[in-house]
Structure formats: structure tokens, C-alpha cells
């Protein structure tokens, strides 16, 4: 993962929750629902940021279990650790790491989750990311990843055009209070326009292929907001 992302997230760490907390908690609920049973599971959150999603999982898995959040930004992790201490969540750890460099031993976690982080990984590195997830996942374990993907080239063309995307959002009655953030007009968020134009977003088919080549089975990819197929959840198992 490029150093530019580390520098970017280090620079916005202090203000990240001001804009993203509500949205990230919503993403956490999507992941928790998609995971199914989590009691008794050791869970890894990749790209944990300020720990919003990891902490939601930690509140639900039980004190005897453990959640690990990894991120490339030490500034983000510092905030995550502070929050965990303040709210008294003790079954969680935060470490420096990434999709392609997970600081855990082989077959050591039951579930891997991630939200809005895989698109920071370059296309030539995504297969290695899935192989690394395979390495640390126990047999019978599963991955649940929520991220931005486009269904086809027509949708990609909409996501990189401000006018086309704004018209579509208005047409489907997208909440006005979230419009600026989604379009990328607020201070700290690049929004869908910037994400699909400037980062390493790939098609649903490409992501599925990486998972297959890494060895995952039972791969399912489902759009989480049907009028706007930009956010998807990928579920797969290590059998």
C-alpha cells in the first residue's frame, strides 16, 4: 500500500471521526449482520482506522474473545487505542499492518472484516492481499469485506462524472445531508468521484477473481445499497 495513504490518513486522523463516525457505524452494522455468528470468534479488522468498526465488533463478541484492528496509520491507531481505553473495551488490540502485511501468525483468526480499505490496494497487489488473508485465516474461517466496486463500465462512467452522479443521486432520492460527502465536496472525504477516479477501485468480477485465485470458496458479492451499486459486501470461506 502506497505511503501516500499513510501520510493522508495520518494528516486527517484528528478530524476523521467528525465526518465519518456515523457512516462507519452504519458500515459496522452491515458487516456484523453479514458475518452471522461472531460469538466465540477471533476477528481481524483490516484498515481499522480510528477503530470504529473494530470496537463495534468487540462489544459483541464477548470478553473471552478478541478483536484485532490493523492499519497503516499510527496516528489513527493512537486514537483507536484511546477510545478503547475510555469506553473500557478490553478485548481488543490495535497494530500497524495492512492487507499485504498482516502481523499475525498462520491460521490465527476466525473472521476477517474490512470496510472501505481494499480500494487503497493497487491492482497488482490485490491478489497478494487475498493470499495474505488466506494465510492468517483458520480452516473454516470467513472473510466479509465491504468496499467500493463498480458493476460494469457504464456504472464506472457515472461514478467518475460529477454531473451524472449528482443527477442519479437526486433521481433515487439520496439523502441531501449526505450528498456533499458522497460527491466529495466536504473537507476530508474524497467521496465517490475521487475514489473511483483516483484510487484503485476495480469491478465486481475482478475482485471475485482475486478471491478465487487465492483459494477462497463460496464467494458471494452483494450490493448493499441497491439503487446505487457502488458499495458491495464480499463474503467467502476458507474450506
Protein backbone atom coordinates (compact mmCIF):
# COMPACT_ATOMS: atom_id res chain seq x y z
CA UNK A 1 0.00 0.00 0.00
CA UNK A 2 1.37 3.40 -1.01
CA UNK A 3 2.95 5.74 1.51
CA UNK A 4 0.64 8.46 0.21
CA UNK A 5 -2.27 6.79 2.00
CA UNK A 6 -0.36 6.61 5.27
CA UNK A 7 0.50 10.29 5.04
CA UNK A 8 -3.08 11.16 4.10
CA UNK A 9 -4.67 9.29 6.98
CA UNK A 10 -2.05 10.49 9.44
CA UNK A 11 -2.93 14.04 8.42
CA UNK A 12 -6.71 13.66 8.88
CA UNK A 13 -6.72 11.38 11.93
CA UNK A 14 -7.83 14.05 14.40
CA UNK A 15 -10.84 15.11 12.33
CA UNK A 16 -11.71 11.73 10.79
CA UNK A 17 -14.46 10.83 13.27
CA UNK A 18 -16.16 14.22 12.89
CA UNK A 19 -17.25 13.28 9.40
CA UNK A 20 -17.07 9.50 9.22
CA UNK A 21 -18.23 8.16 12.58
CA UNK A 22 -21.94 7.82 11.79
CA UNK A 23 -21.25 6.36 8.36
CA UNK A 24 -18.64 3.93 9.72
CA UNK A 25 -21.03 2.73 12.43
CA UNK A 26 -23.57 2.03 9.72
CA UNK A 27 -20.91 0.08 7.79
CA UNK A 28 -20.12 -1.80 11.00
CA UNK A 29 -23.75 -2.92 11.29
CA UNK A 30 -23.67 -4.13 7.67
CA UNK A 31 -20.55 -6.18 8.40
CA UNK A 32 -21.86 -7.55 11.70
CA UNK A 33 -25.12 -8.61 10.04
CA UNK A 34 -23.22 -10.14 7.12
CA UNK A 35 -20.89 -12.10 9.40
CA UNK A 36 -23.67 -14.01 11.12
CA UNK A 37 -22.44 -15.76 14.28
CA UNK A 38 -19.46 -13.97 15.84
CA UNK A 39 -19.61 -15.17 19.45
CA UNK A 40 -16.53 -17.22 20.22
CA UNK A 41 -14.68 -15.91 17.16
CA UNK A 42 -11.35 -14.14 16.90
CA UNK A 43 -11.86 -11.25 14.48
CA UNK A 44 -9.41 -9.19 12.43
CA UNK A 45 -10.40 -5.77 11.07
CA UNK A 46 -8.12 -4.61 8.24
CA UNK A 47 -7.90 -0.86 7.68
CA UNK A 48 -9.40 -0.24 11.10
CA UNK A 49 -8.65 3.50 11.12
CA UNK A 50 -9.83 5.06 14.39
CA UNK A 51 -11.31 1.71 15.43
CA UNK A 52 -14.99 2.49 14.87
CA UNK A 53 -15.84 -0.85 13.29
CA UNK A 54 -13.45 -2.94 15.39
CA UNK A 55 -14.92 -1.53 18.58
CA UNK A 56 -18.47 -2.37 17.48
CA UNK A 57 -17.37 -5.98 16.95
CA UNK A 58 -15.52 -6.04 20.29
CA UNK A 59 -18.68 -5.01 22.12
CA UNK A 60 -20.47 -8.04 20.68
CA UNK A 61 -18.03 -10.96 20.64
CA UNK A 62 -17.72 -11.27 24.42
CA UNK A 63 -14.90 -10.60 26.86
CA UNK A 64 -13.35 -14.03 26.36
CA UNK A 65 -12.76 -13.36 22.67
CA UNK A 66 -10.51 -10.92 20.87
CA UNK A 67 -10.73 -8.36 18.08
CA UNK A 68 -7.58 -7.11 16.34
CA UNK A 69 -7.57 -3.93 14.28
CA UNK A 70 -4.69 -3.15 11.93
CA UNK A 71 -3.94 -0.02 9.95
CA UNK A 72 -1.03 1.68 8.21
CA UNK A 73 -1.65 4.96 10.06
CA UNK A 74 -0.13 5.12 13.54
CA UNK A 75 -1.99 8.38 14.14
CA UNK A 76 -5.31 6.64 13.50
CA UNK A 77 -4.33 3.73 15.74
CA UNK A 78 -3.39 6.11 18.56
CA UNK A 79 -6.95 7.45 18.53
CA UNK A 80 -8.41 3.94 18.34
CA UNK A 81 -6.43 2.83 21.40
CA UNK A 82 -7.51 5.94 23.31
CA UNK A 83 -11.18 5.29 22.54
CA UNK A 84 -10.97 1.65 23.60
CA UNK A 85 -9.44 2.70 26.92
CA UNK A 86 -12.00 5.46 27.51
CA UNK A 87 -15.02 3.20 26.97
CA UNK A 88 -13.49 0.26 28.81
CA UNK A 89 -13.27 -2.23 25.94
CA UNK A 90 -10.51 -4.64 26.92
CA UNK A 91 -10.88 -7.45 24.37
CA UNK A 92 -9.28 -5.54 21.52
CA UNK A 93 -5.78 -4.89 20.23
CA UNK A 94 -4.52 -2.46 17.58
CA UNK A 95 -1.40 -2.99 15.49
CA UNK A 96 0.35 -1.48 12.49
CA UNK A 97 -0.35 -3.58 9.40
CA UNK A 98 -2.04 -3.76 6.02
CA UNK A 99 -3.75 -6.11 3.59
CA UNK A 100 -0.41 -7.23 2.20
CA UNK A 101 1.41 -7.31 5.54
CA UNK A 102 -0.77 -8.77 8.29
CA UNK A 103 1.22 -9.02 11.56
CA UNK A 104 -0.34 -12.33 12.63
CA UNK A 105 0.63 -16.00 12.51
CA UNK A 106 -0.81 -18.54 10.09
CA UNK A 107 -4.38 -19.70 10.70
CA UNK A 108 -4.87 -17.49 13.75
CA UNK A 109 -8.24 -15.76 13.16
CA UNK A 110 -11.79 -16.96 12.53
CA UNK A 111 -13.19 -13.94 10.68
CA UNK A 112 -11.60 -11.12 8.69
CA UNK A 113 -13.61 -7.96 8.10
CA UNK A 114 -12.78 -4.75 6.31
CA UNK A 115 -14.65 -1.66 5.20
CA UNK A 116 -13.61 0.94 2.62
CA UNK A 117 -9.95 -0.11 2.64
CA UNK A 118 -9.40 -2.63 -0.16
CA UNK A 119 -9.70 0.08 -2.82
CA UNK A 120 -6.45 1.59 -1.47
CA UNK A 121 -4.59 -1.54 -2.64
CA UNK A 122 -3.07 -1.41 -6.13
CA UNK A 123 -4.46 -3.93 -8.66
CA UNK A 124 -1.13 -5.74 -8.89
CA UNK A 125 -1.15 -6.17 -5.10
CA UNK A 126 -4.77 -7.28 -4.57
CA UNK A 127 -4.13 -10.96 -5.26
CA UNK A 128 -1.36 -10.90 -2.64
CA UNK A 129 -3.83 -9.22 -0.27
CA UNK A 130 -6.26 -12.11 -0.64
CA UNK A 131 -3.44 -14.63 -0.25
CA UNK A 132 -2.35 -12.90 2.94
CA UNK A 133 -5.90 -13.05 4.29
CA UNK A 134 -5.99 -16.75 3.38
CA UNK A 135 -2.74 -17.28 5.29
CA UNK A 136 -3.94 -15.91 8.63
CA UNK A 137 -7.47 -17.33 8.40
CA UNK A 138 -8.29 -20.62 10.10
CA UNK A 139 -9.74 -23.50 8.11
CA UNK A 140 -13.49 -22.92 8.07
CA UNK A 141 -12.95 -19.19 8.61
CA UNK A 142 -14.50 -16.47 6.51
CA UNK A 143 -13.88 -13.01 5.11
CA UNK A 144 -16.51 -10.26 4.93
CA UNK A 145 -15.39 -7.17 3.04
CA UNK A 146 -17.42 -4.04 2.38
CA UNK A 147 -15.97 -1.72 -0.25
CA UNK A 148 -16.48 0.30 -3.41
CA UNK A 149 -16.75 -1.64 -6.69
CA UNK A 150 -18.46 -0.98 -9.99
CA UNK A 151 -20.80 -3.46 -11.62
CA UNK A 152 -19.88 -2.59 -15.21
CA UNK A 153 -18.23 0.15 -17.27
CA UNK A 154 -21.49 2.10 -17.54
CA UNK A 155 -21.62 2.46 -13.77
CA UNK A 156 -17.95 3.38 -13.59
CA UNK A 157 -18.57 6.21 -16.07
CA UNK A 158 -21.31 7.54 -13.79
CA UNK A 159 -19.14 7.38 -10.68
CA UNK A 160 -16.35 9.49 -12.20
CA UNK A 161 -18.62 12.24 -13.56
CA UNK A 162 -19.87 14.81 -11.02
CA UNK A 163 -22.95 15.84 -13.02
CA UNK A 164 -24.01 12.29 -13.91
CA UNK A 165 -23.63 11.06 -10.33
CA UNK A 166 -25.42 14.06 -8.82
CA UNK A 167 -28.36 13.61 -11.20
CA UNK A 168 -28.56 9.93 -10.35
CA UNK A 169 -28.42 10.58 -6.60
CA UNK A 170 -31.21 13.15 -6.90
CA UNK A 171 -33.27 10.74 -9.02
CA UNK A 172 -33.15 7.99 -6.39
CA UNK A 173 -33.89 10.38 -3.53
CA UNK A 174 -30.47 10.16 -1.94
CA UNK A 175 -30.39 11.96 1.46
CA UNK A 176 -29.48 15.60 0.87
CA UNK A 177 -27.49 15.79 4.09
CA UNK A 178 -25.08 13.12 2.76
CA UNK A 179 -24.91 14.45 -0.80
CA UNK A 180 -21.81 16.65 -0.42
CA UNK A 181 -19.79 13.95 1.32
CA UNK A 182 -20.77 11.36 -1.28
CA UNK A 183 -19.85 13.67 -4.14
CA UNK A 184 -16.58 14.61 -2.46
CA UNK A 185 -17.34 18.25 -1.71
CA UNK A 186 -16.53 18.17 2.00
CA UNK A 187 -13.13 18.77 3.53
CA UNK A 188 -11.75 15.38 4.49
CA UNK A 189 -13.62 12.95 2.24
CA UNK A 190 -12.82 12.35 -1.42
CA UNK A 191 -16.28 10.90 -1.97
CA UNK A 192 -17.26 8.52 -4.74
CA UNK A 193 -15.96 10.78 -7.51
CA UNK A 194 -12.43 10.88 -6.10
CA UNK A 195 -12.49 7.24 -5.05
CA UNK A 196 -13.47 5.90 -8.46
CA UNK A 197 -11.32 8.36 -10.38
CA UNK A 198 -8.10 8.49 -8.37
CA UNK A 199 -7.87 5.24 -6.40
CA UNK A 200 -7.68 1.54 -7.16
CA UNK A 201 -11.35 0.62 -7.45
CA UNK A 202 -11.98 -2.43 -9.63
CA UNK A 203 -15.00 -4.27 -10.96
CA UNK A 204 -17.01 -6.84 -9.04
CA UNK A 205 -15.71 -9.50 -11.43
CA UNK A 206 -12.06 -8.59 -10.86
CA UNK A 207 -12.40 -8.74 -7.08
CA UNK A 208 -14.14 -12.10 -7.27
CA UNK A 209 -11.32 -13.46 -9.43
CA UNK A 210 -8.67 -12.42 -6.89
CA UNK A 211 -10.58 -14.25 -4.16
CA UNK A 212 -10.92 -17.37 -6.31
CA UNK A 213 -7.23 -17.41 -7.23
CA UNK A 214 -6.27 -17.11 -3.57
CA UNK A 215 -8.28 -20.25 -2.84
CA UNK A 216 -11.50 -18.92 -1.32
CA UNK A 217 -14.76 -20.80 -1.87
CA UNK A 218 -18.44 -19.93 -1.70
CA UNK A 219 -17.74 -16.41 -2.89
CA UNK A 220 -20.78 -14.12 -2.83
CA UNK A 221 -20.86 -10.42 -3.65
CA UNK A 222 -23.97 -8.40 -2.83
CA UNK A 223 -24.73 -4.73 -3.32
CA UNK A 224 -25.58 -3.02 -0.01
CA UNK A 225 -27.48 -0.06 -1.46
CA UNK A 226 -29.40 -1.31 -4.48
CA UNK A 227 -30.26 1.98 -6.21
CA UNK A 228 -26.53 2.77 -6.27
CA UNK A 229 -24.28 -0.26 -6.93
CA UNK A 230 -21.13 1.36 -5.60
CA UNK A 231 -20.84 -0.36 -2.24
CA UNK A 232 -20.68 -4.13 -2.08
CA UNK A 233 -20.14 -6.84 0.51
CA UNK A 234 -17.96 -9.79 -0.45
CA UNK A 235 -18.31 -12.99 1.60
CA UNK A 236 -16.09 -16.04 1.14
CA UNK A 237 -14.79 -19.04 3.10
CA UNK A 238 -11.55 -20.91 3.58
CA UNK A 239 -12.50 -24.57 3.33
